[in-house]
Amino acid sequence: MAKTMTKQMKSNGASGTLAPWLGIAVIVILADQLTKIAIAKVFAYGEGRVITPFFNLVLVYNKGAAFSFLAAAGGWQRWAFTALGVVAALVIGYLLKRHAGQRMFCTALSLILGGALGNVLDRLMYGHVIDFLDFHLGRSHWPAFNVADSAICVGAALLVFDELRRVRGSR
């Protein structure tokens, strides 16, 4: 009976701690910022290097959101996306605390948190997000992105997988 209660407390997050989840977010932020600093020191704006037939490194700035959404909006978007990132971080912090015992869910949220804060730091320091990963097929290019964006996408995919797993388990 005590084992069952302990297991339930862990799955509800009652006995969980934020430390491992915040640790993952900090690792994402550090990896993101270090790669951006390295690219900004080695490349001039717009400069690129071919790495493989389908992948380049190129230094570009994104003043908007995903896929340069609202990039030419006149400047207000910098503060709107910064505020959105901070609000998202606060909500994620609350969810991490509340569900600290759910490993996949919290791993996903931690990746999203680290990615969101990595891009918020760019907006605060530079007024734009530094992107540099450029995948393409022939002349068709995927919009350039960065480590923070990658962490957000992996986190989102893990959230979907976790929810599908949870729904299947309830049947």
Foldseek 3Di string as FASTA:
>chain_A
DVVVVVVVCLQQLVPFDCVVLLVLLVVLLVVQVVVLVVCPVPDDAQDWDDDDPFKIWHKYWALADPPNVCSVVPQPRLVVLLVVLVVLLVVLVVVCNRRVSPPLLSNLSSLLNSLSVSQSVCCVPPVTGIFTIWGHDVPRIDPTHTSSVVSNVVSVVSNVVVVVVVVVVVD
